[in-house]
């Protein structure tokens, strides 16, 4: 099942309530402010802080270059 990008209009980071960016290659939603990556499992975003992956500095720089 593919992620419906129309959801991006209503989704927000559960921690800061800020905008999320969609990383199609990694199938994740990224919060640049909190440096968290939320996985997308079978087309469904898993927006749980305790299941989010912390972004490391290299990944943040790569995101900015894309």
Protein backbone atom coordinates (compact mmCIF):
# COMPACT_ATOMS: atom_id res chain seq x y z
CA UNK A 1 0.00 0.00 0.00
CA UNK A 2 1.43 3.39 -1.00
CA UNK A 3 1.51 6.43 1.26
CA UNK A 4 -1.13 9.00 0.30
CA UNK A 5 0.76 12.31 0.10
CA UNK A 6 -2.54 14.22 0.42
CA UNK A 7 -2.28 13.39 4.13
CA UNK A 8 0.70 15.77 4.38
CA UNK A 9 -1.76 18.67 4.53
CA UNK A 10 -3.17 17.49 7.87
CA UNK A 11 -0.28 15.57 9.47
CA UNK A 12 1.95 17.24 12.05
CA UNK A 13 4.80 16.18 14.29
CA UNK A 14 3.29 14.76 17.49
CA UNK A 15 6.07 16.37 19.55
CA UNK A 16 6.21 19.98 18.32
CA UNK A 17 3.08 20.05 16.09
CA UNK A 18 5.28 21.33 13.25
CA UNK A 19 5.45 20.48 9.57
CA UNK A 20 6.67 17.06 8.45
CA UNK A 21 8.58 16.37 5.25
CA UNK A 22 8.08 13.18 3.26
CA UNK A 23 11.17 11.12 2.42
CA UNK A 24 9.94 8.80 -0.32
CA UNK A 25 13.20 6.83 -0.57
CA UNK A 26 13.28 5.96 3.14
CA UNK A 27 9.47 5.84 3.53
CA UNK A 28 9.63 8.20 6.50
CA UNK A 29 8.15 11.47 7.65
CA UNK A 30 10.84 13.85 8.87
CA UNK A 31 10.58 16.55 11.54
CA UNK A 32 13.62 18.76 11.01
CA UNK A 33 12.97 20.77 14.19
CA UNK A 34 13.01 17.75 16.53
CA UNK A 35 15.37 15.75 14.28
CA UNK A 36 13.04 12.76 14.26
CA UNK A 37 12.07 10.35 11.48
CA UNK A 38 8.72 8.58 11.70
CA UNK A 39 8.38 5.39 9.70
CA UNK A 40 5.56 4.64 7.27
CA UNK A 41 4.36 1.06 7.65
CA UNK A 42 2.16 -0.31 4.85
CA UNK A 43 1.17 3.22 3.86
CA UNK A 44 0.33 4.25 7.45
CA UNK A 45 2.52 6.80 9.28
CA UNK A 46 3.62 5.63 12.72
CA UNK A 47 3.55 8.94 14.57
CA UNK A 48 4.70 7.71 17.96
CA UNK A 49 7.61 9.55 19.57
CA UNK A 50 8.95 6.41 21.25
CA UNK A 51 9.12 4.63 17.86
CA UNK A 52 10.68 7.52 15.96
CA UNK A 53 14.27 7.35 14.79
CA UNK A 54 16.67 10.14 15.77
CA UNK A 55 18.36 11.79 12.81
CA UNK A 56 22.12 12.12 12.95
CA UNK A 57 23.93 15.20 11.65
CA UNK A 58 24.93 13.54 8.34
CA UNK A 59 21.32 12.69 7.57
CA UNK A 60 20.17 16.23 8.31
CA UNK A 61 22.71 17.65 5.89
CA UNK A 62 21.69 15.14 3.22
CA UNK A 63 18.02 16.12 3.67
CA UNK A 64 18.87 19.80 3.15
CA UNK A 65 20.77 19.04 -0.06
CA UNK A 66 17.84 17.13 -1.64
